[in-house]
Structures are given as structure tokens and as C-alpha cells.
C-alpha atoms as a PDB file:
ATOM      1  CA  MET A   1      29.829   5.983  -8.403  1.00  0.00           C
ATOM      2  CA  ASP A   2      27.314   3.952 -10.391  1.00  0.00           C
ATOM      3  CA  ILE A   3      25.179   2.375  -7.691  1.00  0.00           C
ATOM      4  CA  LEU A   4      23.125   0.376 -10.160  1.00  0.00           C
ATOM      5  CA  GLN A   5      26.227  -1.383 -11.511  1.00  0.00           C
ATOM      6  CA  HIS A   6      27.440  -2.539  -8.114  1.00  0.00           C
ATOM      7  CA  ASP A   7      27.599  -6.319  -7.679  1.00  0.00           C
ATOM      8  CA  ILE A   8      25.206  -6.188  -4.749  1.00  0.00           C
ATOM      9  CA  PHE A   9      22.299  -5.573  -7.087  1.00  0.00           C
ATOM     10  CA  SER A  10      22.633  -9.109  -8.391  1.00  0.00           C
ATOM     11  CA  ASP A  11      21.106 -10.123  -5.049  1.00  0.00           C
ATOM     12  CA  LEU A  12      18.079  -7.961  -5.796  1.00  0.00           C
ATOM     13  CA  LYS A  13      17.739  -9.295  -9.311  1.00  0.00           C
ATOM     14  CA  ASN A  14      17.816 -12.902  -8.099  1.00  0.00           C
ATOM     15  CA  GLN A  15      14.907 -12.383  -5.689  1.00  0.00           C
ATOM     16  CA  GLN A  16      11.969 -14.243  -7.197  1.00  0.00           C
ATOM     17  CA  VAL A  17       8.680 -12.493  -7.916  1.00  0.00           C
ATOM     18  CA  PRO A  18       6.250 -13.813  -5.266  1.00  0.00           C
ATOM     19  CA  THR A  19       3.185 -15.951  -5.980  1.00  0.00           C
ATOM     20  CA  PHE A  20       0.341 -16.803  -3.614  1.00  0.00           C
ATOM     21  CA  ASN A  21       0.682 -19.787  -1.297  1.00  0.00           C
ATOM     22  CA  SER A  22      -0.840 -20.985   1.962  1.00  0.00           C
ATOM     23  CA  ALA A  23       1.560 -18.839   4.026  1.00  0.00           C
ATOM     24  CA  TYR A  24       0.154 -15.662   2.497  1.00  0.00           C
ATOM     25  CA  ILE A  25      -3.598 -16.210   2.557  1.00  0.00           C
ATOM     26  CA  LYS A  26      -5.922 -17.799   5.110  1.00  0.00           C
ATOM     27  CA  THR A  27      -9.719 -18.194   5.074  1.00  0.00           C
ATOM     28  CA  GLU A  28     -11.641 -18.630   8.340  1.00  0.00           C
ATOM     29  CA  THR A  29     -15.312 -18.624   9.268  1.00  0.00           C
ATOM     30  CA  TYR A  30     -16.808 -16.690  12.202  1.00  0.00           C
ATOM     31  CA  PRO A  31     -20.366 -15.920  13.387  1.00  0.00           C
ATOM     32  CA  LEU A  32     -21.476 -12.463  12.275  1.00  0.00           C
ATOM     33  CA  GLY A  33     -21.894 -11.431  15.918  1.00  0.00           C
ATOM     34  CA  GLU A  34     -18.232 -12.185  16.658  1.00  0.00           C
ATOM     35  CA  VAL A  35     -17.066 -10.193  13.620  1.00  0.00           C
ATOM     36  CA  LEU A  36     -19.186  -7.199  14.659  1.00  0.00           C
ATOM     37  CA  ASP A  37     -17.858  -7.434  18.235  1.00  0.00           C
ATOM     38  CA  ARG A  38     -14.274  -7.438  16.938  1.00  0.00           C
ATOM     39  CA  ILE A  39     -15.051  -4.366  14.846  1.00  0.00           C
ATOM     40  CA  ARG A  40     -16.535  -2.520  17.842  1.00  0.00           C
ATOM     41  CA  CYS A  41     -13.503  -3.259  20.035  1.00  0.00           C
ATOM     42  CA  GLY A  42     -11.106  -2.140  17.265  1.00  0.00           C
ATOM     43  CA  GLU A  43      -9.543  -5.546  16.612  1.00  0.00           C
ATOM     44  CA  ILE A  44     -10.898  -5.350  13.056  1.00  0.00           C
ATOM     45  CA  ARG A  45     -11.032  -1.947  11.335  1.00  0.00           C
ATOM     46  CA  LEU A  46     -13.284  -0.919   8.490  1.00  0.00           C
ATOM     47  CA  MET A  47     -11.189   0.656   5.738  1.00  0.00           C
ATOM     48  CA  LYS A  48     -12.364   4.184   5.028  1.00  0.00           C
ATOM     49  CA  VAL A  49     -14.120   4.723   1.717  1.00  0.00           C
ATOM     50  CA  ASP A  50     -12.407   7.651  -0.024  1.00  0.00           C
ATOM     51  CA  GLY A  51     -11.522   9.073   3.390  1.00  0.00           C
ATOM     52  CA  ASP A  52     -15.097   8.828   4.678  1.00  0.00           C
ATOM     53  CA  VAL A  53     -16.347   6.164   7.089  1.00  0.00           C
ATOM     54  CA  LYS A  54     -19.949   6.675   5.970  1.00  0.00           C
ATOM     55  CA  PRO A  55     -21.358   3.925   3.713  1.00  0.00           C
ATOM     56  CA  ARG A  56     -21.864   4.615   0.027  1.00  0.00           C
ATOM     57  CA  TRP A  57     -24.824   2.284  -0.271  1.00  0.00           C
ATOM     58  CA  LYS A  58     -28.213   3.922  -0.357  1.00  0.00           C
ATOM     59  CA  GLU A  59     -30.838   2.720   2.097  1.00  0.00           C
ATOM     60  CA  GLU A  60     -32.496   0.634  -0.616  1.00  0.00           C
ATOM     61  CA  GLN A  61     -29.237  -1.214  -1.302  1.00  0.00           C
ATOM     62  CA  GLN A  62     -28.754  -1.883   2.403  1.00  0.00           C
ATOM     63  CA  GLU A  63     -32.311  -3.182   2.732  1.00  0.00           C
ATOM     64  CA  LEU A  64     -31.956  -5.535  -0.243  1.00  0.00           C
ATOM     65  CA  PHE A  65     -28.701  -6.976   1.093  1.00  0.00           C
ATOM     66  CA  VAL A  66     -29.903  -7.450   4.682  1.00  0.00           C
ATOM     67  CA  THR A  67     -33.148  -8.961   3.370  1.00  0.00           C
ATOM     68  CA  SER A  68     -31.170 -11.489   1.330  1.00  0.00           C
ATOM     69  CA  VAL A  69     -29.170 -12.541   4.418  1.00  0.00           C
ATOM     70  CA  VAL A  70     -32.247 -12.696   6.666  1.00  0.00           C
ATOM     71  CA  ASN A  71     -33.867 -14.992   4.106  1.00  0.00           C
ATOM     72  CA  GLY A  72     -30.917 -17.386   4.050  1.00  0.00           C
ATOM     73  CA  LEU A  73     -28.581 -16.190   1.273  1.00  0.00           C
ATOM     74  CA  PRO A  74     -24.933 -16.655   2.395  1.00  0.00           C
ATOM     75  CA  ILE A  75     -22.883 -13.547   3.133  1.00  0.00           C
ATOM     76  CA  PRO A  76     -20.251 -13.229   0.355  1.00  0.00           C
ATOM     77  CA  LEU A  77     -16.582 -13.786   1.143  1.00  0.00           C
ATOM     78  CA  MET A  78     -14.861 -10.720   2.643  1.00  0.00           C
ATOM     79  CA  TYR A  79     -11.169  -9.803   2.582  1.00  0.00           C
ATOM     80  CA  VAL A  80      -9.039  -8.477   5.433  1.00  0.00           C
ATOM     81  CA  ASN A  81      -5.420  -7.390   5.642  1.00  0.00           C
ATOM     82  CA  SER A  82      -3.637  -8.640   8.780  1.00  0.00           C
ATOM     83  CA  GLU A  83      -1.409  -6.075  10.486  1.00  0.00           C
ATOM     84  CA  ARG A  84       0.602  -5.977  13.691  1.00  0.00           C
ATOM     85  CA  ASP A  85      -2.087  -4.145  15.624  1.00  0.00           C
ATOM     86  CA  GLY A  86      -5.119  -5.967  14.224  1.00  0.00           C
ATOM     87  CA  ALA A  87      -6.712  -6.327  10.812  1.00  0.00           C
ATOM     88  CA  THR A  88      -8.325  -4.042   8.249  1.00  0.00           C
ATOM     89  CA  ILE A  89     -11.334  -4.935   6.117  1.00  0.00           C
ATOM     90  CA  ILE A  90     -10.320  -4.274   2.510  1.00  0.00           C
ATOM     91  CA  ASP A  91     -13.464  -5.673   0.916  1.00  0.00           C
ATOM     92  CA  GLY A  92     -16.826  -5.913   2.674  1.00  0.00           C
ATOM     93  CA  PHE A  93     -17.162  -2.410   4.149  1.00  0.00           C
ATOM     94  CA  GLU A  94     -20.671  -1.786   2.807  1.00  0.00           C
ATOM     95  CA  ARG A  95     -21.973  -5.224   3.748  1.00  0.00           C
ATOM     96  CA  LEU A  96     -20.669  -5.084   7.319  1.00  0.00           C
ATOM     97  CA  ALA A  97     -21.856  -1.483   7.775  1.00  0.00           C
ATOM     98  CA  ALA A  98     -25.386  -2.477   6.679  1.00  0.00           C
ATOM     99  CA  LEU A  99     -25.483  -5.594   8.863  1.00  0.00           C
ATOM    100  CA  ASN A 100     -24.095  -3.733  11.860  1.00  0.00           C
ATOM    101  CA  ALA A 101     -26.651  -0.898  11.511  1.00  0.00           C
ATOM    102  CA  PHE A 102     -29.499  -3.401  11.286  1.00  0.00           C
ATOM    103  CA  CYS A 103     -28.335  -5.585  14.189  1.00  0.00           C
ATOM    104  CA  GLN A 104     -27.790  -2.526  16.421  1.00  0.00           C
ATOM    105  CA  GLY A 105     -31.212  -1.112  15.552  1.00  0.00           C
ATOM    106  CA  ASP A 106     -29.582   2.033  14.160  1.00  0.00           C
ATOM    107  CA  SER A 107     -31.691   2.045  10.993  1.00  0.00           C
ATOM    108  CA  ASN A 108     -35.291   1.858   9.873  1.00  0.00           C
ATOM    109  CA  MET A 109     -34.810  -0.652   7.078  1.00  0.00           C
ATOM    110  CA  ASP A 110     -37.870  -2.223   5.504  1.00  0.00           C
ATOM    111  CA  ILE A 111     -37.054  -5.924   5.472  1.00  0.00           C
ATOM    112  CA  CYS A 112     -38.904  -8.623   3.538  1.00  0.00           C
ATOM    113  CA  LEU A 113     -39.209 -11.831   5.552  1.00  0.00           C
ATOM    114  CA  ASN A 114     -40.691 -14.868   3.819  1.00  0.00           C
ATOM    115  CA  GLY A 115     -42.097 -12.613   1.121  1.00  0.00           C
ATOM    116  CA  LYS A 116     -43.790 -10.215   3.570  1.00  0.00           C
ATOM    117  CA  ARG A 117     -42.488  -6.707   4.126  1.00  0.00           C
ATOM    118  CA  VAL A 118     -41.822  -5.687   7.716  1.00  0.00           C
ATOM    119  CA  SER A 119     -42.235  -1.923   7.803  1.00  0.00           C
ATOM    120  CA  ASP A 120     -40.057  -1.355  10.857  1.00  0.00           C
ATOM    121  CA  ALA A 121     -36.945  -3.366  11.641  1.00  0.00           C
ATOM    122  CA  GLY A 122     -37.802  -3.065  15.305  1.00  0.00           C
ATOM    123  CA  GLU A 123     -40.794  -5.349  14.795  1.00  0.00           C
ATOM    124  CA  LEU A 124     -38.547  -8.291  14.016  1.00  0.00           C
ATOM    125  CA  SER A 125     -38.414 -10.753  16.858  1.00  0.00           C
ATOM    126  CA  ALA A 126     -35.329 -11.173  19.022  1.00  0.00           C
ATOM    127  CA  SER A 127     -34.977 -14.708  17.681  1.00  0.00           C
ATOM    128  CA  ILE A 128     -34.597 -13.403  14.116  1.00  0.00           C
ATOM    129  CA  ARG A 129     -31.875 -10.996  15.186  1.00  0.00           C
ATOM    130  CA  LYS A 130     -30.152 -13.721  17.186  1.00  0.00           C
ATOM    131  CA  LYS A 131     -30.260 -16.010  14.157  1.00  0.00           C
ATOM    132  CA  LEU A 132     -28.767 -13.287  11.978  1.00  0.00           C
ATOM    133  CA  LEU A 133     -25.894 -12.770  14.436  1.00  0.00           C
ATOM    134  CA  SER A 134     -25.096 -16.471  14.188  1.00  0.00           C
ATOM    135  CA  THR A 135     -24.879 -16.334  10.380  1.00  0.00           C
ATOM    136  CA  PRO A 136     -21.428 -17.506   9.254  1.00  0.00           C
ATOM    137  CA  VAL A 137     -19.048 -14.941   7.755  1.00  0.00           C
ATOM    138  CA  ARG A 138     -16.000 -16.079   5.797  1.00  0.00           C
ATOM    139  CA  LEU A 139     -12.968 -13.811   6.140  1.00  0.00           C
ATOM    140  CA  CYS A 140     -10.096 -14.257   3.703  1.00  0.00           C
ATOM    141  CA  SER A 141      -7.020 -12.830   5.440  1.00  0.00           C
ATOM    142  CA  LEU A 142      -3.848 -11.622   3.763  1.00  0.00           C
ATOM    143  CA  THR A 143      -1.283 -12.519   6.424  1.00  0.00           C
ATOM    144  CA  GLN A 144       1.533 -10.238   7.585  1.00  0.00           C
ATOM    145  CA  LYS A 145       3.895 -12.387   5.519  1.00  0.00           C
ATOM    146  CA  THR A 146       2.101 -11.479   2.292  1.00  0.00           C
ATOM    147  CA  PRO A 147       4.498  -9.541   0.003  1.00  0.00           C
ATOM    148  CA  ALA A 148       3.487  -5.974  -0.847  1.00  0.00           C
ATOM    149  CA  LEU A 149       3.311  -6.809  -4.556  1.00  0.00           C
ATOM    150  CA  LEU A 150       0.688  -9.502  -3.951  1.00  0.00           C
ATOM    151  CA  GLN A 151      -1.268  -7.266  -1.569  1.00  0.00           C
ATOM    152  CA  TYR A 152      -1.345  -4.534  -4.194  1.00  0.00           C
ATOM    153  CA  HIS A 153      -2.584  -6.954  -6.848  1.00  0.00           C
ATOM    154  CA  VAL A 154      -5.404  -8.021  -4.528  1.00  0.00           C
ATOM    155  CA  LEU A 155      -6.276  -4.352  -3.922  1.00  0.00           C
ATOM    156  CA  GLN A 156      -6.339  -3.767  -7.691  1.00  0.00           C
ATOM    157  CA  TRP A 157      -8.696  -6.677  -8.199  1.00  0.00           C
ATOM    158  CA  LEU A 158     -11.008  -5.717  -5.346  1.00  0.00           C
ATOM    159  CA  ASN A 159     -11.028  -2.087  -6.467  1.00  0.00           C
ATOM    160  CA  ALA A 160     -13.089  -3.142  -9.478  1.00  0.00           C
ATOM    161  CA  SER A 161     -16.045  -3.291  -7.079  1.00  0.00           C
ATOM    162  CA  GLY A 162     -15.652   0.437  -6.429  1.00  0.00           C
ATOM    163  CA  HIS A 163     -15.811  -0.032  -2.646  1.00  0.00           C
ATOM    164  CA  TYR A 164     -12.765   2.106  -1.908  1.00  0.00           C
ATOM    165  CA  SER A 165     -10.029   4.285  -3.390  1.00  0.00           C
ATOM    166  CA  LEU A 166      -7.172   2.197  -4.777  1.00  0.00           C
ATOM    167  CA  GLU A 167      -4.819   5.183  -4.596  1.00  0.00           C
ATOM    168  CA  LYS A 168      -5.427   5.692  -0.866  1.00  0.00           C
ATOM    169  CA  SER A 169      -5.200   1.974  -0.182  1.00  0.00           C
ATOM    170  CA  TYR A 170      -1.889   1.858  -2.064  1.00  0.00           C
ATOM    171  CA  ARG A 171      -0.511   4.769  -0.037  1.00  0.00           C
ATOM    172  CA  ARG A 172      -1.547   3.006   3.192  1.00  0.00           C
ATOM    173  CA  LEU A 173       0.160  -0.203   2.038  1.00  0.00           C
ATOM    174  CA  VAL A 174       3.386   1.635   1.160  1.00  0.00           C
ATOM    175  CA  LYS A 175       3.328   3.483   4.496  1.00  0.00           C
ATOM    176  CA  LEU A 176       3.061   0.183   6.390  1.00  0.00           C
ATOM    177  CA  LYS A 177       5.898  -1.412   4.418  1.00  0.00           C
ATOM    178  CA  HIS A 178       8.022   1.722   4.777  1.00  0.00           C
ATOM    179  CA  GLY A 179       7.618   1.439   8.538  1.00  0.00           C
ATOM    180  CA  GLN A 180       8.700  -2.205   8.433  1.00  0.00           C
ATOM    181  CA  LEU A 181      11.816  -1.297   6.430  1.00  0.00           C
ATOM    182  CA  THR A 182      12.655   1.485   8.889  1.00  0.00           C
ATOM    183  CA  ASP A 183      12.249  -0.969  11.767  1.00  0.00           C
ATOM    184  CA  ARG A 184      14.563  -3.466  10.079  1.00  0.00           C
ATOM    185  CA  LEU A 185      17.332  -0.908   9.567  1.00  0.00           C
ATOM    186  CA  HIS A 186      16.908   0.152  13.198  1.00  0.00           C
ATOM    187  CA  ARG A 187      17.192  -3.454  14.413  1.00  0.00           C
ATOM    188  CA  MET A 188      20.358  -3.836  12.322  1.00  0.00           C
ATOM    189  CA  GLN A 189      21.685  -0.687  14.014  1.00  0.00           C
ATOM    190  CA  LEU A 190      22.467   0.902  10.660  1.00  0.00           C
ATOM    191  CA  GLN A 191      22.950   4.637  10.542  1.00  0.00           C
ATOM    192  CA  SER A 192      19.953   5.833   8.590  1.00  0.00           C
ATOM    193  CA  ASN A 193      17.275   8.505   8.596  1.00  0.00           C
ATOM    194  CA  LYS A 194      13.971   9.097   6.828  1.00  0.00           C
ATOM    195  CA  LEU A 195      15.729  10.307   3.702  1.00  0.00           C
ATOM    196  CA  ILE A 196      18.044   7.280   3.531  1.00  0.00           C
ATOM    197  CA  VAL A 197      15.139   4.863   3.983  1.00  0.00           C
ATOM    198  CA  ASP A 198      13.102   6.675   1.331  1.00  0.00           C
ATOM    199  CA  LEU A 199      16.043   6.769  -1.076  1.00  0.00           C
ATOM    200  CA  LEU A 200      16.708   3.071  -0.470  1.00  0.00           C
ATOM    201  CA  ALA A 201      13.126   2.119  -1.358  1.00  0.00           C
ATOM    202  CA  GLN A 202      12.895   4.498  -4.316  1.00  0.00           C
ATOM    203  CA  GLY A 203      16.330   3.518  -5.607  1.00  0.00           C
ATOM    204  CA  ILE A 204      15.475  -0.184  -5.623  1.00  0.00           C
ATOM    205  CA  ALA A 205      12.107   0.569  -7.234  1.00  0.00           C
ATOM    206  CA  TYR A 206      13.878   2.494  -9.979  1.00  0.00           C
ATOM    207  CA  TYR A 207      16.322  -0.387 -10.415  1.00  0.00           C
ATOM    208  CA  PHE A 208      13.437  -2.708 -11.225  1.00  0.00           C
ATOM    209  CA  PHE A 209      11.820  -0.077 -13.429  1.00  0.00           C
ATOM    210  CA  ALA A 210      15.047   0.600 -15.367  1.00  0.00           C
ATOM    211  CA  ASN A 211      15.749  -3.102 -15.798  1.00  0.00           C
ATOM    212  CA  SER A 212      12.214  -3.903 -16.974  1.00  0.00           C
ATOM    213  CA  GLN A 213      12.237  -1.634 -20.022  1.00  0.00           C
ATOM    214  CA  GLY A 214      11.191  -4.084 -22.706  1.00  0.00           C
ATOM    215  CA  GLY A 215      10.807  -6.833 -20.115  1.00  0.00           C
ATOM    216  CA  ASP A 216       7.559  -5.378 -18.750  1.00  0.00           C
ATOM    217  CA  PHE A 217       8.084  -5.995 -15.040  1.00  0.00           C
ATOM    218  CA  GLY A 218       4.890  -4.093 -14.278  1.00  0.00           C
ATOM    219  CA  THR A 219       3.651  -0.652 -13.344  1.00  0.00           C
ATOM    220  CA  GLU A 220       5.581   1.910 -11.326  1.00  0.00           C
ATOM    221  CA  GLN A 221       3.435   0.936  -8.335  1.00  0.00           C
ATOM    222  CA  ASP A 222       4.424  -2.709  -8.889  1.00  0.00           C
ATOM    223  CA  CYS A 223       8.082  -1.667  -8.812  1.00  0.00           C
ATOM    224  CA  VAL A 224       7.611   0.226  -5.534  1.00  0.00           C
ATOM    225  CA  CYS A 225       5.867  -2.757  -3.910  1.00  0.00           C
ATOM    226  CA  ARG A 226       8.597  -5.059  -5.202  1.00  0.00           C
ATOM    227  CA  SER A 227      11.270  -2.753  -3.734  1.00  0.00           C
ATOM    228  CA  TYR A 228       9.855  -3.198  -0.231  1.00  0.00           C
ATOM    229  CA  ASP A 229       9.504  -6.960  -0.683  1.00  0.00           C
ATOM    230  CA  VAL A 230      13.147  -7.256  -1.714  1.00  0.00           C
ATOM    231  CA  SER A 231      14.526  -4.835   0.890  1.00  0.00           C
ATOM    232  CA  LEU A 232      12.734  -6.772   3.629  1.00  0.00           C
ATOM    233  CA  ALA A 233      13.889 -10.155   2.285  1.00  0.00           C
ATOM    234  CA  VAL A 234      17.474  -9.551   1.107  1.00  0.00           C
ATOM    235  CA  GLY A 235      20.303 -10.614   3.421  1.00  0.00           C
ATOM    236  CA  ASP A 236      21.636  -8.313   6.138  1.00  0.00           C
ATOM    237  CA  ALA A 237      25.062  -8.029   4.490  1.00  0.00           C
ATOM    238  CA  SER A 238      23.588  -6.931   1.172  1.00  0.00           C
ATOM    239  CA  LEU A 239      21.267  -4.436   2.823  1.00  0.00           C
ATOM    240  CA  GLU A 240      24.113  -2.997   4.877  1.00  0.00           C
ATOM    241  CA  ILE A 241      26.206  -2.421   1.730  1.00  0.00           C
ATOM    242  CA  LEU A 242      23.270  -0.715   0.022  1.00  0.00           C
ATOM    243  CA  VAL A 243      22.807   1.644   2.963  1.00  0.00           C
ATOM    244  CA  GLU A 244      26.548   2.394   3.037  1.00  0.00           C
ATOM    245  CA  HIS A 245      26.488   3.337  -0.651  1.00  0.00           C
ATOM    246  CA  LEU A 246      23.523   5.623  -0.084  1.00  0.00           C
ATOM    247  CA  GLN A 247      25.335   7.259   2.829  1.00  0.00           C
ATOM    248  CA  GLN A 248      28.287   7.889   0.491  1.00  0.00           C
ATOM    249  CA  PHE A 249      25.890   9.327  -2.050  1.00  0.00           C
ATOM    250  CA  MET A 250      24.438  11.722   0.540  1.00  0.00           C
ATOM    251  CA  LYS A 251      27.977  12.861   1.445  1.00  0.00           C
ATOM    252  CA  LEU A 252      28.534  13.625  -2.235  1.00  0.00           C
ATOM    253  CA  TYR A 253      25.297  15.616  -2.287  1.00  0.00           C
ATOM    254  CA  VAL A 254      26.453  17.673   0.690  1.00  0.00           C
ATOM    255  CA  GLN A 255      29.866  18.261  -0.900  1.00  0.00           C
ATOM    256  CA  LEU A 256      28.380  19.425  -4.199  1.00  0.00           C
ATOM    257  CA  PHE A 257      25.643  21.559  -2.629  1.00  0.00           C
ATOM    258  CA  PRO A 258      26.748  22.722   0.817  1.00  0.00           C
ATOM    259  CA  ASP A 259      24.187  25.545   0.748  1.00  0.00           C
ATOM    260  CA  LEU A 260      21.400  22.977   0.301  1.00  0.00           C
ATOM    261  CA  ALA A 261      22.779  20.450   2.777  1.00  0.00           C
ATOM    262  CA  LYS A 262      20.449  21.457   5.582  1.00  0.00           C
ATOM    263  CA  SER A 263      17.255  21.278   3.540  1.00  0.00           C
ATOM    264  CA  LYS A 264      18.135  18.013   1.779  1.00  0.00           C
ATOM    265  CA  SER A 265      15.262  18.471  -0.681  1.00  0.00           C
ATOM    266  CA  ARG A 266      14.062  15.020  -1.709  1.00  0.00           C
ATOM    267  CA  ARG A 267      13.416  16.269  -5.244  1.00  0.00           C
ATOM    268  CA  LEU A 268      17.004  17.424  -5.620  1.00  0.00           C
ATOM    269  CA  VAL A 269      18.396  14.283  -3.998  1.00  0.00           C
ATOM    270  CA  LEU A 270      16.397  12.090  -6.389  1.00  0.00           C
ATOM    271  CA  ALA A 271      17.364  14.228  -9.379  1.00  0.00           C
ATOM    272  CA  LEU A 272      21.062  13.979  -8.510  1.00  0.00           C
ATOM    273  CA  TYR A 273      20.706  10.236  -7.903  1.00  0.00           C
ATOM    274  CA  LEU A 274      19.213   9.720 -11.359  1.00  0.00           C
ATOM    275  CA  LEU A 275      21.775  11.940 -13.056  1.00  0.00           C
ATOM    276  CA  ILE A 276      24.498   9.773 -11.525  1.00  0.00           C
ATOM    277  CA  VAL A 277      23.081   6.276 -11.976  1.00  0.00           C
ATOM    278  CA  ASP A 278      21.296   6.531 -15.336  1.00  0.00           C
ATOM    279  CA  ASP A 279      23.518   6.666 -18.426  1.00  0.00           C
ATOM    280  CA  ARG A 280      20.599   7.978 -20.476  1.00  0.00           C
ATOM    281  CA  PHE A 281      21.126  11.467 -19.067  1.00  0.00           C
ATOM    282  CA  HIS A 282      24.817  11.628 -20.076  1.00  0.00           C
ATOM    283  CA  GLN A 283      25.906  13.857 -17.201  1.00  0.00           C
ATOM    284  CA  GLU A 284      29.607  14.315 -16.492  1.00  0.00           C
ATOM    285  CA  ALA A 285      30.614  14.928 -12.872  1.00  0.00           C
ATOM    286  CA  GLU A 286      31.535  18.562 -13.543  1.00  0.00           C
ATOM    287  CA  ASP A 287      28.110  19.162 -15.120  1.00  0.00           C
ATOM    288  CA  LEU A 288      26.109  17.986 -12.113  1.00  0.00           C
ATOM    289  CA  PRO A 289      26.010  21.312 -10.210  1.00  0.00           C
ATOM    290  CA  GLU A 290      24.860  23.146 -13.343  1.00  0.00           C
ATOM    291  CA  SER A 291      22.136  20.564 -14.014  1.00  0.00           C
ATOM    292  CA  ILE A 292      20.832  20.731 -10.469  1.00  0.00           C
ATOM    293  CA  SER A 293      20.898  24.530 -10.572  1.00  0.00           C
ATOM    294  CA  ALA A 294      18.745  24.370 -13.691  1.00  0.00           C
ATOM    295  CA  CYS A 295      16.253  22.223 -11.764  1.00  0.00           C
ATOM    296  CA  LEU A 296      16.234  24.716  -8.908  1.00  0.00           C
ATOM    297  CA  ALA A 297      15.438  27.557 -11.301  1.00  0.00           C
ATOM    298  CA  ASP A 298      12.576  25.683 -12.976  1.00  0.00           C
ATOM    299  CA  LYS A 299       9.082  26.226 -11.529  1.00  0.00           C
ATOM    300  CA  GLU A 300       7.924  23.009 -13.206  1.00  0.00           C
ATOM    301  CA  PHE A 301      10.481  21.035 -11.191  1.00  0.00           C
ATOM    302  CA  HIS A 302       9.204  22.437  -7.876  1.00  0.00           C
ATOM    303  CA  LYS A 303       5.672  21.278  -8.711  1.00  0.00           C
ATOM    304  CA  LEU A 304       6.773  17.647  -9.040  1.00  0.00           C
ATOM    305  CA  PRO A 305       6.059  15.163  -6.249  1.00  0.00           C
ATOM    306  CA  ALA A 306       9.114  13.749  -4.477  1.00  0.00           C
ATOM    307  CA  ASP A 307       8.752  10.576  -6.503  1.00  0.00           C
ATOM    308  CA  ILE A 308      11.614   9.001  -8.425  1.00  0.00           C
ATOM    309  CA  PHE A 309       9.461   8.184 -11.435  1.00  0.00           C
ATOM    310  CA  ALA A 310       8.109  11.721 -11.708  1.00  0.00           C
ATOM    311  CA  ILE A 311      11.669  13.067 -11.464  1.00  0.00           C
ATOM    312  CA  PHE A 312      12.791  10.535 -14.082  1.00  0.00           C
ATOM    313  CA  ARG A 313      10.151  11.694 -16.564  1.00  0.00           C
ATOM    314  CA  TYR A 314      11.144  15.313 -15.941  1.00  0.00           C
ATOM    315  CA  LEU A 315      14.846  14.639 -16.529  1.00  0.00           C
ATOM    316  CA  GLN A 316      14.054  12.514 -19.566  1.00  0.00           C
ATOM    317  CA  SER A 317      12.241  15.434 -21.167  1.00  0.00           C
ATOM    318  CA  HIS A 318      15.060  17.877 -20.370  1.00  0.00           C
ATOM    319  CA  TYR A 319      18.340  15.989 -20.608  1.00  0.00           C
ATOM    320  CA  SER A 320      17.939  12.982 -22.889  1.00  0.00           C
END
């Protein structure tokens, strides 16, 4: 059962790689006060910096930035990711944290106004604070329609500023898209579970990875993002056939390893999947149980993440 050779994968291959257009990105301008109000009520969330909501900027950096805005320098463009339950700031965390602290009087910043240093922010008049809250803020929003691949490329670009962890942002993006794929299968009333959904996404990602050798489709992360874009865009009939094939594959797994059927280890499932679909491993059907048993006995295998690319590299070093 060579899943990768099935005709249905021609539908995946024919899905075009997305490029930015007006449906994916929208820039709007709001008063700073409105943006801060939306943050306080939870409509806009500040993305955590390396798991910590505390700003990285030192007090001097915050003072210099707020001083520049108070003296008329425009607030730089900020980026947000639109989601079903609101939006998340993906670039602008430090700037908004500094402005919010100053406007709320939660800091003792020394601000220079018209060339003169004000030793205590509290000495600034109410009119200055009011003026600051009316300062325009431009938010560039990635809409909910934005493909995961494009969102990831934006995250890569913004990560150069060092404002947040790209790895954690990528995991958050994948989690959101995984939820959308699960919801779609549920709406289609397809018999699936967490393992089927995960195998569907990882299998499609590996399809792109395997078919880009020499064609340079992109990184492994690009392939994963592309897998969610395609699985959410491909027709219902094609998706239903893919799920049916994966259900057949899981039945084969249970038949070959009845003792492991209850645990359904994702590592073993992915290893068996690769041994079946990838000709580079040259595994005959009767050799599959022995190969999987060898994986089970290997401590190195148990240390691997349940990631199809990590499993692929392991098998490549042992069976090619």
C-alpha cells in the first residue's frame, strides 16, 4: 500500500504555493489609546517573549522610545496575527509594553520633552498624555485567510529583530492550524482521532519534503506549514480518500503489532509509515515487524521526537 503513489496526491501537487495578496494582509490605523484599551480587554494579545510576558527592553531603551514618540516621531508599523478569538501582536511587544507602562503611570521614566528632561513622568501634564494616547498606530494584520506558509515566512522575517522566539511562535502557528484541520474533519463527519489528524498532516508534509529533494521546496518547517495549507484547501472528496487510506494504514499497524495497538506510539506509527511509503528503505512486508522491533530495542529511537523528519533521518542512518 504505497500511499504516496496514489492518484489522489496529484491534487496535493497541483495546489499552488501561496503568495501575498490583499486577502491575506490588511493595514489599519488606530489611536494608541484604542489599541491599549483593546489589549487590556483581551481583544488584542501581546505575544509572550520566550515564554515571559515581561519586556526585554531595559528602562533606558523604554525611555528613549517613549521620548521619541512624545516628541513627534511616528510609532513604527506593528504586526498582528488575526485569529478566531481576537488577534495576537507578533511584532511590537516591546513598544506597546513601554507605551502602556508610561500612559498608565506604572513607570518612572525620565522623558525629554522639547530638549528638557522631565525627571518624573508624573510631572507631565494631562494634555501631553492625552496627546500621546491620540498618536496614530498602524497595525498590519495577517488575516485568518493567510496560509500558514506565508505566516511562517513573516515570523521568520520579524524574528530577525529578536523580539520573540521563532520556535515557540512556529509551534503556536502549527497548533492553531492543527485545530483548524481537526475542525474540518469533524465538520465532514469523517472518522478520525488525534493520531489520524497528526499522521495526515505529517504524511502530507513528508510528501512535499520527499518530492522536493533537488527541487528545494524549502525547510522542513515550510513543508509542515504547506501541509496544513493544502489539507485545508483540497477538496472534500480528496481529503476523505486520504483519511480512508490512513485508517487502512492504522488497521495494518494493529494487525502487525497487536500488543502495541493500545499504545499506538506515534514514533512507531511514523516509522512504519515511512518504511512502507519510502522506497529508499527497501523494506519487504515480511521484514516490517523485525524492523519495528529493532526500533523498539534501540534507546536512541525512544529519544526521538514524534516528528516524521526526525524519524526519517533515523531510518536513513539505519536502513538505507
